[in-house]
Amino acid sequence: MSQPIPPQPQAQARAPIRLTAQVLTCVGFSLIACLIIFVAQDDFLSVIRGPMGVATQLLCGLVLSALAAVASYVSFRLTAKSEATANTIKAYGRLDLSGLNPVWISLAAAIGEELLFRAALQPLLGVWITSIVFLLTHTPVYQFRRLNKATLVQAAGVFGASVALGFIYQNVGLLAAMMVHTALDVIGLYVVRNTLRGARA
């Protein structure tokens, strides 16, 4: 008489990516960026300071952040049922988006990524190549390796956002680029959280 086959354990959902891991990654980006700027640039402070004063950057950053937030939300509403949006929600659905975590994740990402890509790499590589590098570093999250229409739309969006942030850094300054990056991420992460909660309800 044969032994009964024990039931196979179901694949467990992967644990959420905790806020601490996100923040530590961005701290690592910031440290690498500061090292690159210190070694490769003649004037560390001018790279950080940017072409406009702090007050002007704050004002421009606020206006550009509001425009970016509206554009991000409208874009989501127009593409809510698309495969690209579903892929984005799935990609960011593993983050721990409880409480104010979307704000903290967005701030950490804006500071770390803008320091690395805009302040450290862009003066060396230019806007376009830096944006390609930015896109490549986001490939694991978005799974761009599966080429189809949805992933091409996502890739174009990530590349376009990077180019826009690059021009903001170049013409306004790092603080403004960080503010716009934060606004884009905050809206995106709250959209992901609300969509996931709506799907569970």
N, C-alpha and C. Protein backbone atom coordinates (compact mmCIF):
# COMPACT_ATOMS: atom_id res chain seq x y z
N MET A 1 0.84 -1.18 0.00
CA MET A 1 0.00 0.00 0.00
C MET A 1 0.89 1.24 0.00
N SER A 2 0.60 2.14 -0.94
CA SER A 2 1.45 3.32 -1.07
C SER A 2 1.10 4.36 -0.01
N GLN A 3 2.12 5.09 0.36
CA GLN A 3 1.93 6.16 1.35
C GLN A 3 1.23 7.35 0.68
N PRO A 4 0.33 8.01 1.40
CA PRO A 4 -0.29 9.20 0.82
C PRO A 4 0.74 10.31 0.64
N ILE A 5 0.59 11.02 -0.45
CA ILE A 5 1.53 12.13 -0.73
C ILE A 5 1.13 13.32 0.14
N PRO A 6 2.07 13.82 0.94
CA PRO A 6 1.72 14.96 1.79
C PRO A 6 1.42 16.19 0.93
N PRO A 7 0.51 17.03 1.40
CA PRO A 7 0.20 18.23 0.63
C PRO A 7 1.42 19.12 0.50
N GLN A 8 1.59 19.67 -0.69
CA GLN A 8 2.73 20.55 -0.95
C GLN A 8 2.45 21.92 -0.33
N PRO A 9 3.45 22.50 0.32
CA PRO A 9 3.23 23.83 0.88
C PRO A 9 3.04 24.84 -0.23
N GLN A 10 2.11 25.75 -0.03
CA GLN A 10 1.87 26.77 -1.04
C GLN A 10 2.98 27.80 -0.96
N ALA A 11 3.27 28.37 -2.12
CA ALA A 11 4.32 29.40 -2.15
C ALA A 11 3.87 30.59 -1.31
N GLN A 12 4.72 30.96 -0.39
CA GLN A 12 4.37 32.08 0.48
C GLN A 12 4.64 33.39 -0.25
N ALA A 13 3.79 34.37 0.04
CA ALA A 13 4.03 35.70 -0.52
C ALA A 13 5.30 36.25 0.10
N ARG A 14 6.08 36.93 -0.71
CA ARG A 14 7.33 37.48 -0.20
C ARG A 14 7.03 38.59 0.81
N ALA A 15 7.87 38.65 1.82
CA ALA A 15 7.68 39.65 2.87
C ALA A 15 7.83 41.04 2.28
N PRO A 16 7.11 42.00 2.85
CA PRO A 16 7.24 43.37 2.34
C PRO A 16 8.64 43.91 2.57
N ILE A 17 9.05 44.81 1.70
CA ILE A 17 10.35 45.46 1.85
C ILE A 17 10.17 46.56 2.90
N ARG A 18 10.89 46.44 3.98
CA ARG A 18 10.69 47.34 5.12
C ARG A 18 11.27 48.73 4.84
N LEU A 19 10.75 49.70 5.56
CA LEU A 19 11.19 51.08 5.44
C LEU A 19 12.69 51.20 5.71
N THR A 20 13.17 50.47 6.70
CA THR A 20 14.59 50.53 7.06
C THR A 20 15.48 50.17 5.87
N ALA A 21 15.11 49.12 5.15
CA ALA A 21 15.90 48.69 3.99
C ALA A 21 15.90 49.78 2.92
N GLN A 22 14.75 50.41 2.70
CA GLN A 22 14.67 51.48 1.71
C GLN A 22 15.57 52.65 2.10
N VAL A 23 15.49 53.06 3.35
CA VAL A 23 16.27 54.21 3.80
C VAL A 23 17.76 53.90 3.76
N LEU A 24 18.16 52.71 4.19
CA LEU A 24 19.58 52.34 4.17
C LEU A 24 20.13 52.31 2.75
N THR A 25 19.33 51.85 1.80
CA THR A 25 19.75 51.87 0.39
C THR A 25 20.02 53.29 -0.06
N CYS A 26 19.13 54.20 0.31
CA CYS A 26 19.29 55.59 -0.10
C CYS A 26 20.45 56.27 0.62
N VAL A 27 20.72 55.88 1.85
CA VAL A 27 21.91 56.39 2.55
C VAL A 27 23.17 55.92 1.82
N GLY A 28 23.16 54.67 1.37
CA GLY A 28 24.28 54.16 0.59
C GLY A 28 24.47 54.95 -0.70
N PHE A 29 23.38 55.23 -1.41
CA PHE A 29 23.44 56.06 -2.62
C PHE A 29 24.07 57.42 -2.30
N SER A 30 23.64 58.02 -1.18
CA SER A 30 24.14 59.35 -0.80
C SER A 30 25.63 59.33 -0.52
N LEU A 31 26.09 58.29 0.17
CA LEU A 31 27.52 58.19 0.48
C LEU A 31 28.36 57.99 -0.78
N ILE A 32 27.88 57.15 -1.68
CA ILE A 32 28.59 56.94 -2.96
C ILE A 32 28.61 58.24 -3.74
N ALA A 33 27.48 58.95 -3.76
CA ALA A 33 27.39 60.22 -4.49
C ALA A 33 28.38 61.24 -3.94
N CYS A 34 28.43 61.37 -2.62
CA CYS A 34 29.35 62.34 -2.02
C CYS A 34 30.80 62.00 -2.33
N LEU A 35 31.13 60.73 -2.34
CA LEU A 35 32.49 60.30 -2.69
C LEU A 35 32.82 60.66 -4.14
N ILE A 36 31.89 60.37 -5.05
CA ILE A 36 32.10 60.70 -6.48
C ILE A 36 32.26 62.20 -6.66
N ILE A 37 31.39 62.98 -6.02
CA ILE A 37 31.46 64.44 -6.16
C ILE A 37 32.78 64.95 -5.60
N PHE A 38 33.17 64.46 -4.44
CA PHE A 38 34.41 64.92 -3.79
C PHE A 38 35.63 64.62 -4.66
N VAL A 39 35.65 63.43 -5.26
CA VAL A 39 36.81 63.02 -6.06
C VAL A 39 36.80 63.66 -7.45
N ALA A 40 35.62 63.72 -8.09
CA ALA A 40 35.56 64.09 -9.51
C ALA A 40 35.29 65.57 -9.77
N GLN A 41 34.80 66.30 -8.78
CA GLN A 41 34.43 67.70 -9.02
C GLN A 41 35.40 68.64 -8.31
N ASP A 42 35.64 69.79 -8.94
CA ASP A 42 36.54 70.77 -8.35
C ASP A 42 35.92 71.47 -7.15
N ASP A 43 34.64 71.80 -7.25
CA ASP A 43 33.98 72.55 -6.19
C ASP A 43 32.75 71.78 -5.71
N PHE A 44 32.93 71.05 -4.62
CA PHE A 44 31.87 70.20 -4.07
C PHE A 44 30.60 71.00 -3.82
N LEU A 45 30.73 72.17 -3.20
CA LEU A 45 29.57 72.95 -2.81
C LEU A 45 28.79 73.50 -4.01
N SER A 46 29.48 73.87 -5.07
CA SER A 46 28.75 74.41 -6.23
C SER A 46 27.90 73.34 -6.90
N VAL A 47 28.36 72.09 -6.86
CA VAL A 47 27.58 70.98 -7.42
C VAL A 47 26.30 70.80 -6.62
N ILE A 48 26.41 70.92 -5.31
CA ILE A 48 25.25 70.76 -4.44
C ILE A 48 24.34 72.00 -4.51
N ARG A 49 24.97 73.17 -4.52
CA ARG A 49 24.21 74.42 -4.46
C ARG A 49 23.35 74.64 -5.70
N GLY A 50 23.94 74.48 -6.88
CA GLY A 50 23.19 74.65 -8.12
C GLY A 50 23.19 76.08 -8.63
N PRO A 51 22.56 76.30 -9.80
CA PRO A 51 22.61 77.62 -10.44
C PRO A 51 21.76 78.69 -9.77
N MET A 52 20.73 78.31 -9.03
CA MET A 52 19.85 79.29 -8.40
C MET A 52 19.99 79.21 -6.89
N GLY A 53 19.65 80.30 -6.22
CA GLY A 53 19.71 80.36 -4.77
C GLY A 53 18.67 79.44 -4.13
N VAL A 54 18.82 79.22 -2.85
CA VAL A 54 17.94 78.30 -2.13
C VAL A 54 16.49 78.76 -2.18
N ALA A 55 16.24 80.06 -1.97
CA ALA A 55 14.86 80.57 -1.97
C ALA A 55 14.20 80.37 -3.34
N THR A 56 14.94 80.66 -4.39
CA THR A 56 14.40 80.48 -5.75
C THR A 56 14.15 79.01 -6.04
N GLN A 57 15.06 78.16 -5.60
CA GLN A 57 14.87 76.73 -5.80
C GLN A 57 13.63 76.23 -5.06
N LEU A 58 13.43 76.73 -3.83
CA LEU A 58 12.25 76.34 -3.07
C LEU A 58 10.97 76.75 -3.80
N LEU A 59 10.95 77.98 -4.29
CA LEU A 59 9.76 78.48 -4.99
C LEU A 59 9.52 77.69 -6.28
N CYS A 60 10.58 77.54 -7.09
CA CYS A 60 10.45 76.75 -8.33
C CYS A 60 10.10 75.30 -8.01
N GLY A 61 10.73 74.77 -6.97
CA GLY A 61 10.46 73.39 -6.59
C GLY A 61 9.02 73.16 -6.19
N LEU A 62 8.45 74.12 -5.46
CA LEU A 62 7.04 74.01 -5.06
C LEU A 62 6.12 74.01 -6.28
N VAL A 63 6.36 74.94 -7.19
CA VAL A 63 5.52 75.03 -8.39
C VAL A 63 5.67 73.78 -9.25
N LEU A 64 6.91 73.38 -9.50
CA LEU A 64 7.17 72.19 -10.33
C LEU A 64 6.66 70.92 -9.66
N SER A 65 6.76 70.85 -8.33
CA SER A 65 6.26 69.67 -7.60
C SER A 65 4.75 69.56 -7.73
N ALA A 66 4.06 70.70 -7.62
CA ALA A 66 2.60 70.69 -7.77
C ALA A 66 2.22 70.23 -9.17
N LEU A 67 2.92 70.75 -10.18
CA LEU A 67 2.64 70.33 -11.56
C LEU A 67 2.93 68.84 -11.76
N ALA A 68 4.05 68.37 -11.20
CA ALA A 68 4.42 66.96 -11.33
C ALA A 68 3.41 66.06 -10.64
N ALA A 69 2.93 66.48 -9.46
CA ALA A 69 1.96 65.68 -8.71
C ALA A 69 0.65 65.57 -9.50
N VAL A 70 0.18 66.69 -10.05
CA VAL A 70 -1.06 66.67 -10.85
C VAL A 70 -0.87 65.80 -12.08
N ALA A 71 0.26 65.97 -12.78
CA ALA A 71 0.52 65.18 -13.98
C ALA A 71 0.58 63.69 -13.66
N SER A 72 1.21 63.35 -12.53
CA SER A 72 1.33 61.95 -12.13
C SER A 72 -0.05 61.35 -11.85
N TYR A 73 -0.88 62.09 -11.13
CA TYR A 73 -2.20 61.57 -10.80
C TYR A 73 -3.09 61.46 -12.04
N VAL A 74 -3.05 62.47 -12.91
CA VAL A 74 -3.85 62.42 -14.15
C VAL A 74 -3.39 61.26 -15.02
N SER A 75 -2.07 61.07 -15.09
CA SER A 75 -1.53 59.95 -15.88
C SER A 75 -2.06 58.62 -15.36
N PHE A 76 -2.09 58.47 -14.01
CA PHE A 76 -2.62 57.24 -13.44
C PHE A 76 -4.09 57.06 -13.81
N ARG A 77 -4.88 58.12 -13.67
CA ARG A 77 -6.32 58.02 -13.96
C ARG A 77 -6.56 57.62 -15.42
N LEU A 78 -5.73 58.15 -16.32
CA LEU A 78 -5.91 57.86 -17.74
C LEU A 78 -5.47 56.45 -18.11
N THR A 79 -4.56 55.89 -17.32
CA THR A 79 -4.00 54.57 -17.65
C THR A 79 -4.31 53.53 -16.57
N ALA A 80 -5.31 53.80 -15.73
CA ALA A 80 -5.59 52.94 -14.56
C ALA A 80 -5.81 51.49 -14.93
N LYS A 81 -6.39 51.22 -16.09
CA LYS A 81 -6.69 49.83 -16.46
C LYS A 81 -5.64 49.20 -17.38
N SER A 82 -4.55 49.91 -17.60
CA SER A 82 -3.54 49.40 -18.53
C SER A 82 -2.63 48.38 -17.86
N GLU A 83 -1.99 47.58 -18.69
CA GLU A 83 -1.04 46.58 -18.18
C GLU A 83 0.17 47.25 -17.55
N ALA A 84 0.59 48.39 -18.11
CA ALA A 84 1.75 49.11 -17.56
C ALA A 84 1.47 49.56 -16.13
N THR A 85 0.27 50.09 -15.89
CA THR A 85 -0.08 50.53 -14.53
C THR A 85 -0.18 49.33 -13.59
N ALA A 86 -0.75 48.24 -14.07
CA ALA A 86 -0.84 47.03 -13.24
C ALA A 86 0.56 46.55 -12.87
N ASN A 87 1.49 46.60 -13.81
CA ASN A 87 2.88 46.19 -13.54
C ASN A 87 3.54 47.10 -12.51
N THR A 88 3.27 48.41 -12.63
CA THR A 88 3.85 49.36 -11.67
C THR A 88 3.32 49.10 -10.27
N ILE A 89 2.02 48.88 -10.16
CA ILE A 89 1.41 48.61 -8.86
C ILE A 89 1.98 47.33 -8.27
N LYS A 90 2.16 46.32 -9.11
CA LYS A 90 2.73 45.05 -8.65
C LYS A 90 4.18 45.25 -8.19
N ALA A 91 4.94 46.06 -8.96
CA ALA A 91 6.35 46.29 -8.63
C ALA A 91 6.51 46.97 -7.28
N TYR A 92 5.66 47.94 -7.00
CA TYR A 92 5.78 48.69 -5.75
C TYR A 92 4.90 48.14 -4.63
N GLY A 93 4.11 47.13 -4.93
CA GLY A 93 3.23 46.53 -3.93
C GLY A 93 3.96 45.81 -2.82
N ARG A 94 5.24 45.49 -3.02
CA ARG A 94 6.00 44.80 -1.98
C ARG A 94 6.56 45.75 -0.92
N LEU A 95 6.50 47.05 -1.18
CA LEU A 95 7.00 48.00 -0.19
C LEU A 95 6.03 48.06 1.00
N ASP A 96 6.57 48.31 2.16
CA ASP A 96 5.73 48.51 3.34
C ASP A 96 5.18 49.93 3.26
N LEU A 97 3.94 50.06 2.81
CA LEU A 97 3.33 51.37 2.59
C LEU A 97 2.37 51.77 3.70
N SER A 98 2.56 51.21 4.88
CA SER A 98 1.68 51.55 6.00
C SER A 98 2.03 52.93 6.55
N GLY A 99 1.05 53.54 7.21
CA GLY A 99 1.27 54.82 7.87
C GLY A 99 1.81 55.89 6.93
N LEU A 100 2.84 56.60 7.40
CA LEU A 100 3.47 57.65 6.59
C LEU A 100 4.65 57.14 5.78
N ASN A 101 4.79 55.82 5.68
CA ASN A 101 5.92 55.26 4.95
C ASN A 101 6.06 55.76 3.52
N PRO A 102 4.95 55.99 2.78
CA PRO A 102 5.13 56.54 1.43
C PRO A 102 5.89 57.87 1.42
N VAL A 103 5.67 58.69 2.43
CA VAL A 103 6.37 59.98 2.51
C VAL A 103 7.85 59.75 2.80
N TRP A 104 8.14 58.89 3.79
CA TRP A 104 9.55 58.66 4.17
C TRP A 104 10.31 57.97 3.04
N ILE A 105 9.68 57.00 2.38
CA ILE A 105 10.34 56.32 1.25
C ILE A 105 10.62 57.32 0.14
N SER A 106 9.65 58.18 -0.14
CA SER A 106 9.81 59.18 -1.21
C SER A 106 10.92 60.17 -0.90
N LEU A 107 10.97 60.64 0.33
CA LEU A 107 12.04 61.57 0.72
C LEU A 107 13.41 60.92 0.62
N ALA A 108 13.51 59.69 1.14
CA ALA A 108 14.80 58.99 1.10
C ALA A 108 15.24 58.75 -0.35
N ALA A 109 14.31 58.31 -1.19
CA ALA A 109 14.65 58.05 -2.60
C ALA A 109 15.05 59.34 -3.30
N ALA A 110 14.31 60.42 -3.05
CA ALA A 110 14.61 61.69 -3.71
C ALA A 110 16.00 62.19 -3.33
N ILE A 111 16.33 62.12 -2.05
CA ILE A 111 17.64 62.60 -1.61
C ILE A 111 18.76 61.71 -2.16
N GLY A 112 18.63 60.40 -1.94
CA GLY A 112 19.69 59.48 -2.37
C GLY A 112 19.87 59.43 -3.87
N GLU A 113 18.77 59.30 -4.61
CA GLU A 113 18.87 59.16 -6.07
C GLU A 113 19.26 60.47 -6.74
N GLU A 114 18.75 61.60 -6.25
CA GLU A 114 19.14 62.87 -6.87
C GLU A 114 20.60 63.21 -6.59
N LEU A 115 21.06 62.91 -5.39
CA LEU A 115 22.49 63.11 -5.12
C LEU A 115 23.35 62.25 -6.04
N LEU A 116 22.96 60.98 -6.19
CA LEU A 116 23.77 60.07 -7.00
C LEU A 116 23.67 60.38 -8.49
N PHE A 117 22.43 60.41 -9.00
CA PHE A 117 22.28 60.52 -10.44
C PHE A 117 22.46 61.95 -10.96
N ARG A 118 21.93 62.92 -10.26
CA ARG A 118 22.02 64.29 -10.75
C ARG A 118 23.32 64.96 -10.32
N ALA A 119 23.59 65.03 -9.01
CA ALA A 119 24.75 65.78 -8.54
C ALA A 119 26.08 65.08 -8.83
N ALA A 120 26.10 63.75 -8.71
CA ALA A 120 27.37 63.02 -8.89
C ALA A 120 27.62 62.60 -10.34
N LEU A 121 26.63 61.94 -10.97
CA LEU A 121 26.86 61.36 -12.28
C LEU A 121 26.58 62.31 -13.45
N GLN A 122 25.55 63.14 -13.33
CA GLN A 122 25.18 63.98 -14.47
C GLN A 122 26.28 64.94 -14.91
N PRO A 123 27.02 65.59 -13.99
CA PRO A 123 28.11 66.44 -14.47
C PRO A 123 29.20 65.67 -15.23
N LEU A 124 29.31 64.38 -14.97
CA LEU A 124 30.31 63.56 -15.65
C LEU A 124 29.79 62.94 -16.94
N LEU A 125 28.51 62.53 -16.95
CA LEU A 125 27.96 61.76 -18.07
C LEU A 125 26.96 62.52 -18.92
N GLY A 126 26.43 63.62 -18.41
CA GLY A 126 25.38 64.35 -19.12
C GLY A 126 24.00 63.80 -18.79
N VAL A 127 22.98 64.56 -19.18
CA VAL A 127 21.59 64.22 -18.85
C VAL A 127 21.17 62.89 -19.45
N TRP A 128 21.48 62.67 -20.73
CA TRP A 128 20.92 61.53 -21.46
C TRP A 128 21.52 60.20 -20.99
N ILE A 129 22.83 60.15 -20.86
CA ILE A 129 23.47 58.91 -20.42
C ILE A 129 23.12 58.63 -18.96
N THR A 130 23.08 59.67 -18.13
CA THR A 130 22.67 59.49 -16.74
C THR A 130 21.26 58.92 -16.66
N SER A 131 20.39 59.38 -17.55
CA SER A 131 19.00 58.88 -17.54
C SER A 131 18.93 57.43 -17.99
N ILE A 132 19.83 57.03 -18.88
CA ILE A 132 19.89 55.61 -19.27
C ILE A 132 20.35 54.77 -18.07
N VAL A 133 21.35 55.26 -17.35
CA VAL A 133 21.83 54.55 -16.15
C VAL A 133 20.70 54.48 -15.11
N PHE A 134 19.98 55.59 -14.93
CA PHE A 134 18.84 55.63 -14.01
C PHE A 134 17.81 54.57 -14.39
N LEU A 135 17.51 54.49 -15.67
CA LEU A 135 16.56 53.49 -16.17
C LEU A 135 17.06 52.07 -15.88
N LEU A 136 18.34 51.83 -16.16
CA LEU A 136 18.90 50.49 -15.95
C LEU A 136 18.85 50.07 -14.47
N THR A 137 19.07 51.03 -13.57
CA THR A 137 19.03 50.68 -12.15
C THR A 137 17.61 50.38 -11.68
N HIS A 138 16.61 50.84 -12.43
CA HIS A 138 15.21 50.55 -12.08
C HIS A 138 14.69 49.28 -12.77
N THR A 139 15.51 48.66 -13.58
CA THR A 139 15.09 47.45 -14.31
C THR A 139 14.63 46.33 -13.38
N PRO A 140 15.34 46.02 -12.28
CA PRO A 140 14.87 44.93 -11.42
C PRO A 140 13.48 45.19 -10.83
N VAL A 141 13.17 46.44 -10.53
CA VAL A 141 11.88 46.76 -9.93
C VAL A 141 10.75 46.59 -10.96
N TYR A 142 10.97 47.15 -12.13
CA TYR A 142 9.91 47.14 -13.14
C TYR A 142 9.93 45.91 -14.03
N GLN A 143 10.98 45.11 -13.95
CA GLN A 143 11.11 43.91 -14.78
C GLN A 143 11.04 44.26 -16.27
N PHE A 144 11.87 45.25 -16.67
CA PHE A 144 11.90 45.67 -18.06
C PHE A 144 12.46 44.60 -19.00
N ARG A 145 13.05 43.54 -18.42
CA ARG A 145 13.65 42.51 -19.27
C ARG A 145 12.61 41.80 -20.13
N ARG A 146 11.32 41.85 -19.71
CA ARG A 146 10.25 41.27 -20.53
C ARG A 146 9.73 42.36 -21.46
N LEU A 147 10.24 42.36 -22.69
CA LEU A 147 9.88 43.44 -23.60
C LEU A 147 8.49 43.23 -24.19
N ASN A 148 7.59 44.12 -23.85
CA ASN A 148 6.28 44.18 -24.47
C ASN A 148 5.83 45.63 -24.40
N LYS A 149 4.65 45.91 -24.87
CA LYS A 149 4.18 47.30 -24.92
C LYS A 149 4.13 47.93 -23.53
N ALA A 150 3.66 47.17 -22.55
CA ALA A 150 3.52 47.71 -21.19
C ALA A 150 4.87 48.10 -20.60
N THR A 151 5.86 47.22 -20.75
CA THR A 151 7.17 47.53 -20.17
C THR A 151 7.85 48.67 -20.93
N LEU A 152 7.61 48.77 -22.24
CA LEU A 152 8.18 49.89 -22.99
C LEU A 152 7.57 51.22 -22.54
N VAL A 153 6.27 51.22 -22.25
CA VAL A 153 5.62 52.43 -21.74
C VAL A 153 6.21 52.80 -20.38
N GLN A 154 6.38 51.80 -19.51
CA GLN A 154 6.99 52.06 -18.20
C GLN A 154 8.41 52.60 -18.34
N ALA A 155 9.19 51.95 -19.19
CA ALA A 155 10.58 52.37 -19.38
C ALA A 155 10.64 53.81 -19.91
N ALA A 156 9.77 54.14 -20.85
CA ALA A 156 9.73 55.50 -21.38
C ALA A 156 9.37 56.50 -20.29
N GLY A 157 8.44 56.12 -19.40
CA GLY A 157 8.05 57.00 -18.30
C GLY A 157 9.20 57.25 -17.33
N VAL A 158 9.91 56.17 -16.96
CA VAL A 158 11.04 56.31 -16.03
C VAL A 158 12.15 57.14 -16.68
N PHE A 159 12.45 56.86 -17.95
CA PHE A 159 13.49 57.61 -18.66
C PHE A 159 13.10 59.08 -18.78
N GLY A 160 11.84 59.34 -19.16
CA GLY A 160 11.38 60.72 -19.31
C GLY A 160 11.42 61.50 -18.01
N ALA A 161 11.03 60.84 -16.91
CA ALA A 161 11.09 61.50 -15.60
C ALA A 161 12.53 61.84 -15.24
N SER A 162 13.45 60.93 -15.54
CA SER A 162 14.86 61.17 -15.24
C SER A 162 15.40 62.34 -16.06
N VAL A 163 15.04 62.40 -17.33
CA VAL A 163 15.49 63.52 -18.18
C VAL A 163 14.95 64.84 -17.62
N ALA A 164 13.66 64.85 -17.27
CA ALA A 164 13.06 66.08 -16.71
C ALA A 164 13.77 66.49 -15.43
N LEU A 165 14.04 65.53 -14.54
CA LEU A 165 14.76 65.83 -13.30
C LEU A 165 16.17 66.33 -13.60
N GLY A 166 16.78 65.77 -14.64
CA GLY A 166 18.12 66.22 -15.03
C GLY A 166 18.14 67.67 -15.46
N PHE A 167 17.15 68.07 -16.25
CA PHE A 167 17.08 69.47 -16.69
C PHE A 167 16.72 70.41 -15.54
N ILE A 168 15.89 69.92 -14.61
CA ILE A 168 15.58 70.74 -13.43
C ILE A 168 16.85 70.95 -12.61
N TYR A 169 17.62 69.88 -12.40
CA TYR A 169 18.88 70.01 -11.67
C TYR A 169 19.82 70.99 -12.37
N GLN A 170 19.93 70.85 -13.68
CA GLN A 170 20.86 71.65 -14.46
C GLN A 170 20.48 73.13 -14.48
N ASN A 171 19.20 73.43 -14.55
CA ASN A 171 18.75 74.81 -14.73
C ASN A 171 18.23 75.48 -13.47
N VAL A 172 17.81 74.70 -12.49
CA VAL A 172 17.28 75.28 -11.25
C VAL A 172 18.17 74.89 -10.07
N GLY A 173 18.37 73.59 -9.86
CA GLY A 173 19.25 73.16 -8.79
C GLY A 173 18.81 71.85 -8.16
N LEU A 174 19.66 71.31 -7.32
CA LEU A 174 19.46 70.00 -6.71
C LEU A 174 18.24 69.97 -5.79
N LEU A 175 18.05 71.01 -5.01
CA LEU A 175 16.92 71.05 -4.08
C LEU A 175 15.59 70.95 -4.84
N ALA A 176 15.47 71.68 -5.92
CA ALA A 176 14.24 71.63 -6.72
C ALA A 176 14.03 70.24 -7.31
N ALA A 177 15.11 69.63 -7.80
CA ALA A 177 14.99 68.27 -8.36
C ALA A 177 14.54 67.28 -7.28
N MET A 178 15.09 67.42 -6.08
CA MET A 178 14.67 66.55 -4.97
C MET A 178 13.19 66.74 -4.63
N MET A 179 12.74 67.98 -4.65
CA MET A 179 11.34 68.26 -4.33
C MET A 179 10.40 67.64 -5.36
N VAL A 180 10.75 67.78 -6.65
CA VAL A 180 9.91 67.21 -7.71
C VAL A 180 9.91 65.69 -7.63
N HIS A 181 11.09 65.11 -7.40
CA HIS A 181 11.21 63.66 -7.27
C HIS A 181 10.34 63.16 -6.11
N THR A 182 10.38 63.88 -4.99
CA THR A 182 9.56 63.50 -3.83
C THR A 182 8.08 63.53 -4.18
N ALA A 183 7.66 64.60 -4.86
CA ALA A 183 6.24 64.73 -5.22
C ALA A 183 5.79 63.59 -6.12
N LEU A 184 6.60 63.26 -7.12
CA LEU A 184 6.25 62.15 -8.03
C LEU A 184 6.11 60.84 -7.26
N ASP A 185 7.07 60.57 -6.38
CA ASP A 185 7.05 59.31 -5.64
C ASP A 185 5.91 59.25 -4.62
N VAL A 186 5.66 60.36 -3.93
CA VAL A 186 4.59 60.36 -2.93
C VAL A 186 3.25 60.05 -3.59
N ILE A 187 2.95 60.75 -4.69
CA ILE A 187 1.68 60.50 -5.39
C ILE A 187 1.63 59.05 -5.87
N GLY A 188 2.72 58.59 -6.47
CA GLY A 188 2.75 57.22 -6.98
C GLY A 188 2.54 56.18 -5.90
N LEU A 189 3.21 56.35 -4.75
CA LEU A 189 3.10 55.35 -3.68
C LEU A 189 1.74 55.36 -3.01
N TYR A 190 1.15 56.55 -2.86
CA TYR A 190 -0.21 56.59 -2.30
C TYR A 190 -1.23 55.99 -3.27
N VAL A 191 -1.03 56.20 -4.56
CA VAL A 191 -1.90 55.56 -5.57
C VAL A 191 -1.78 54.05 -5.47
N VAL A 192 -0.55 53.54 -5.36
CA VAL A 192 -0.33 52.09 -5.23
C VAL A 192 -1.03 51.58 -3.97
N ARG A 193 -0.82 52.26 -2.84
CA ARG A 193 -1.43 51.80 -1.59
C ARG A 193 -2.95 51.79 -1.67
N ASN A 194 -3.53 52.86 -2.19
CA ASN A 194 -5.01 52.93 -2.28
C ASN A 194 -5.57 51.90 -3.25
N THR A 195 -4.85 51.67 -4.33
CA THR A 195 -5.30 50.65 -5.30
C THR A 195 -5.26 49.26 -4.69
N LEU A 196 -4.19 48.96 -3.98
CA LEU A 196 -4.06 47.64 -3.34
C LEU A 196 -5.13 47.45 -2.26
N ARG A 197 -5.39 48.50 -1.50
CA ARG A 197 -6.43 48.40 -0.47
C ARG A 197 -7.80 48.21 -1.11
N GLY A 198 -8.07 48.90 -2.21
CA GLY A 198 -9.34 48.75 -2.92
C GLY A 198 -9.52 47.35 -3.47
N ALA A 199 -8.40 46.75 -3.94
CA ALA A 199 -8.48 45.38 -4.49
C ALA A 199 -8.76 44.37 -3.41
N ARG A 200 -8.29 44.62 -2.17
CA ARG A 200 -8.51 43.68 -1.07
C ARG A 200 -9.92 43.80 -0.48
N ALA A 201 -10.52 44.99 -0.67
CA ALA A 201 -11.83 45.23 -0.04
C ALA A 201 -12.93 44.39 -0.69
